[in-house]
């Protein structure tokens, strides 16, 4: 192969790589932000509940945080929404955050189907200390798009599943009461 042809081939490969790279840009960082408005700042939690442990330092009033998504959890000041902080395994109560622009979308990490092993309660957040918002008999199918692995421990297992029942009821069930079906 002569030098000119090799040079054109290399240039063509670079151009083709640039076109392919341009056609499929890297995923953008979350576009959701909020400003902490609580006078005393806000505490970061390991899951969307006031009944689970804290993680990291508190966030001071006025701080702008980048948010990934939102889920229902413990009601705080009349608001059941919680925001997942971008780049951290941490949650903050939406009650203490003023959105800058649009609010985050619902969290989705996949799609799983479960069946209840026994009759079980649906909780407002991932803790047995969170309010009971419903119950399901044994054998009921539920769908989930999010799993929290740092909720309250039940029988040594801290995993809780965010569920939505067929009638649209949304809450949390300890994975110890479920059997994964898909």
Protein backbone atom coordinates (compact mmCIF):
# COMPACT_ATOMS: atom_id res chain seq x y z
CA UNK A 1 0.00 0.00 0.00
CA UNK A 2 1.47 3.35 -0.93
CA UNK A 3 1.93 6.16 1.58
CA UNK A 4 -0.84 8.35 0.06
CA UNK A 5 -3.44 5.54 0.22
CA UNK A 6 -2.46 4.68 3.81
CA UNK A 7 -2.79 8.34 4.73
CA UNK A 8 -6.28 8.57 3.14
CA UNK A 9 -7.35 5.32 4.82
CA UNK A 10 -6.20 6.59 8.22
CA UNK A 11 -7.97 9.92 7.65
CA UNK A 12 -11.13 8.06 6.65
CA UNK A 13 -11.00 5.94 9.80
CA UNK A 14 -10.58 9.03 11.97
CA UNK A 15 -13.52 10.70 10.21
CA UNK A 16 -15.68 7.59 10.56
CA UNK A 17 -14.80 7.30 14.26
CA UNK A 18 -15.70 10.96 14.73
CA UNK A 19 -19.06 10.45 13.02
CA UNK A 20 -19.84 7.37 15.12
CA UNK A 21 -18.75 9.13 18.30
CA UNK A 22 -20.85 12.15 17.34
CA UNK A 23 -23.88 9.96 16.64
CA UNK A 24 -23.84 8.40 20.11
CA UNK A 25 -22.76 10.99 22.66
CA UNK A 26 -21.86 9.93 26.18
CA UNK A 27 -24.78 10.00 28.62
CA UNK A 28 -25.25 13.46 30.11
CA UNK A 29 -25.12 14.13 33.82
CA UNK A 30 -28.51 14.53 35.50
CA UNK A 31 -30.13 17.86 34.66
CA UNK A 32 -31.90 18.18 38.01
CA UNK A 33 -30.76 20.55 40.70
CA UNK A 34 -32.18 21.86 43.93
CA UNK A 35 -31.24 24.37 46.62
CA UNK A 36 -31.39 23.36 50.29
CA UNK A 37 -33.92 25.67 52.00
CA UNK A 38 -34.09 24.22 55.52
CA UNK A 39 -32.84 26.70 58.10
CA UNK A 40 -30.62 24.10 59.79
CA UNK A 41 -29.64 22.35 56.56
CA UNK A 42 -30.63 18.82 55.63
CA UNK A 43 -29.48 15.37 56.70
CA UNK A 44 -28.44 12.76 54.13
CA UNK A 45 -30.05 9.34 54.68
CA UNK A 46 -29.15 5.84 53.47
CA UNK A 47 -32.68 5.35 52.05
CA UNK A 48 -35.79 7.54 51.61
CA UNK A 49 -36.89 7.37 55.26
CA UNK A 50 -36.33 9.26 58.50
CA UNK A 51 -36.12 5.85 60.21
CA UNK A 52 -32.81 4.77 58.65
CA UNK A 53 -29.24 5.84 59.30
CA UNK A 54 -27.55 9.00 58.16
CA UNK A 55 -24.68 9.04 55.72
CA UNK A 56 -22.11 11.73 55.04
CA UNK A 57 -22.24 15.24 56.44
CA UNK A 58 -25.32 17.42 56.59
CA UNK A 59 -25.86 19.81 53.71
CA UNK A 60 -26.07 23.52 54.63
CA UNK A 61 -28.88 25.89 53.71
CA UNK A 62 -28.29 27.53 50.32
CA UNK A 63 -26.19 24.67 48.94
CA UNK A 64 -27.12 23.62 45.40
CA UNK A 65 -27.19 19.84 44.98
CA UNK A 66 -27.44 17.77 41.81
CA UNK A 67 -30.23 15.20 41.97
CA UNK A 68 -30.67 11.92 40.09
CA UNK A 69 -34.31 11.05 40.67
CA UNK A 70 -37.15 10.88 43.22
CA UNK A 71 -39.17 8.25 45.10
CA UNK A 72 -41.87 8.23 47.76
CA UNK A 73 -40.77 7.67 51.35
CA UNK A 74 -41.45 8.89 54.87
CA UNK A 75 -43.74 11.95 54.87
CA UNK A 76 -41.76 15.00 56.01
CA UNK A 77 -43.69 18.22 56.53
CA UNK A 78 -46.56 16.93 54.39
CA UNK A 79 -44.27 15.88 51.51
CA UNK A 80 -43.61 12.19 50.73
CA UNK A 81 -41.00 12.79 48.00
CA UNK A 82 -37.30 12.06 48.51
CA UNK A 83 -34.45 12.89 46.14
CA UNK A 84 -31.43 10.69 45.43
CA UNK A 85 -28.26 12.79 45.43
CA UNK A 86 -26.16 12.43 42.28
CA UNK A 87 -22.96 10.42 42.72
CA UNK A 88 -23.81 9.33 46.27
CA UNK A 89 -25.74 6.52 47.90
CA UNK A 90 -27.70 9.15 49.79
CA UNK A 91 -31.23 10.61 49.94
CA UNK A 92 -32.67 13.92 51.13
CA UNK A 93 -36.27 14.85 51.91
CA UNK A 94 -37.75 16.95 49.09
CA UNK A 95 -39.51 19.04 51.73
CA UNK A 96 -36.19 20.80 52.35
CA UNK A 97 -35.20 21.33 48.70
CA UNK A 98 -36.39 23.98 46.26
CA UNK A 99 -36.11 22.70 42.70
CA UNK A 100 -34.10 24.77 40.25
CA UNK A 101 -35.94 24.11 37.01
CA UNK A 102 -37.98 20.95 36.72
CA UNK A 103 -38.32 18.32 39.45
CA UNK A 104 -36.46 15.01 39.07
CA UNK A 105 -38.20 12.09 37.39
CA UNK A 106 -39.07 8.86 39.22
CA UNK A 107 -36.14 6.57 39.97
CA UNK A 108 -35.83 3.47 37.81
CA UNK A 109 -33.10 0.90 38.15
CA UNK A 110 -34.69 -1.93 36.22
CA UNK A 111 -37.96 -3.79 36.24
CA UNK A 112 -38.63 -6.78 38.46
CA UNK A 113 -41.68 -8.83 39.41
CA UNK A 114 -42.15 -10.30 42.87
CA UNK A 115 -44.75 -12.37 44.67
CA UNK A 116 -45.47 -12.04 48.38
CA UNK A 117 -44.34 -15.11 50.37
CA UNK A 118 -46.73 -14.32 53.22
CA UNK A 119 -49.30 -11.67 53.99
CA UNK A 120 -47.28 -8.46 54.32
CA UNK A 121 -47.60 -4.74 54.92
CA UNK A 122 -46.75 -1.99 52.48
CA UNK A 123 -44.86 0.83 54.21
CA UNK A 124 -44.48 4.51 53.35
CA UNK A 125 -40.67 4.11 53.45
CA UNK A 126 -38.10 1.28 53.74
CA UNK A 127 -38.56 0.67 57.49
CA UNK A 128 -41.07 -1.12 59.72
CA UNK A 129 -41.24 2.17 61.64
CA UNK A 130 -42.62 3.93 58.55
CA UNK A 131 -46.41 4.19 58.37
CA UNK A 132 -48.35 1.20 57.07
CA UNK A 133 -50.23 2.29 53.93
CA UNK A 134 -51.68 -1.06 52.92
CA UNK A 135 -51.28 -4.80 53.10
CA UNK A 136 -51.15 -7.65 50.63
CA UNK A 137 -52.15 -11.30 51.02
CA UNK A 138 -49.77 -14.16 50.29
CA UNK A 139 -49.29 -14.80 46.56
CA UNK A 140 -49.91 -11.20 45.42
CA UNK A 141 -47.80 -10.06 42.47
CA UNK A 142 -46.09 -6.67 42.67
CA UNK A 143 -43.84 -4.79 40.25
CA UNK A 144 -40.75 -2.80 41.15
CA UNK A 145 -38.36 -0.44 39.40
CA UNK A 146 -36.13 0.35 42.40
CA UNK A 147 -34.43 -1.59 45.20
CA UNK A 148 -32.91 0.08 48.30
CA UNK A 149 -30.13 -1.99 49.86
CA UNK A 150 -29.63 0.20 52.92
CA UNK A 151 -33.08 0.31 54.53
CA UNK A 152 -33.93 -0.95 58.01
CA UNK A 153 -32.67 -4.47 58.74
CA UNK A 154 -35.38 -7.15 58.81
CA UNK A 155 -34.09 -10.56 59.82
CA UNK A 156 -30.56 -9.40 59.01
CA UNK A 157 -31.47 -8.18 55.51
CA UNK A 158 -31.52 -4.41 54.75
CA UNK A 159 -32.98 -4.71 51.24
CA UNK A 160 -36.37 -3.13 50.57
CA UNK A 161 -38.29 -3.05 47.30
CA UNK A 162 -40.23 -0.01 46.07
CA UNK A 163 -43.48 -1.51 44.79
CA UNK A 164 -46.54 -0.51 42.88
CA UNK A 165 -49.61 -2.69 43.20
CA UNK A 166 -52.18 -3.26 40.46
CA UNK A 167 -54.43 -0.59 42.04
CA UNK A 168 -51.61 1.99 41.88
CA UNK A 169 -50.65 1.93 45.57
CA UNK A 170 -46.94 2.81 45.93
CA UNK A 171 -44.77 1.96 48.91
CA UNK A 172 -42.06 -0.33 50.26
CA UNK A 173 -41.89 -4.02 51.21
CA UNK A 174 -38.95 -5.79 52.85
CA UNK A 175 -37.42 -8.25 50.41
CA UNK A 176 -37.70 -10.89 53.18
CA UNK A 177 -41.45 -11.03 52.47
CA UNK A 178 -41.01 -11.43 48.69
CA UNK A 179 -40.00 -14.00 46.12
CA UNK A 180 -38.65 -12.71 42.82
CA UNK A 181 -40.54 -14.08 39.81
CA UNK A 182 -38.96 -12.11 36.95
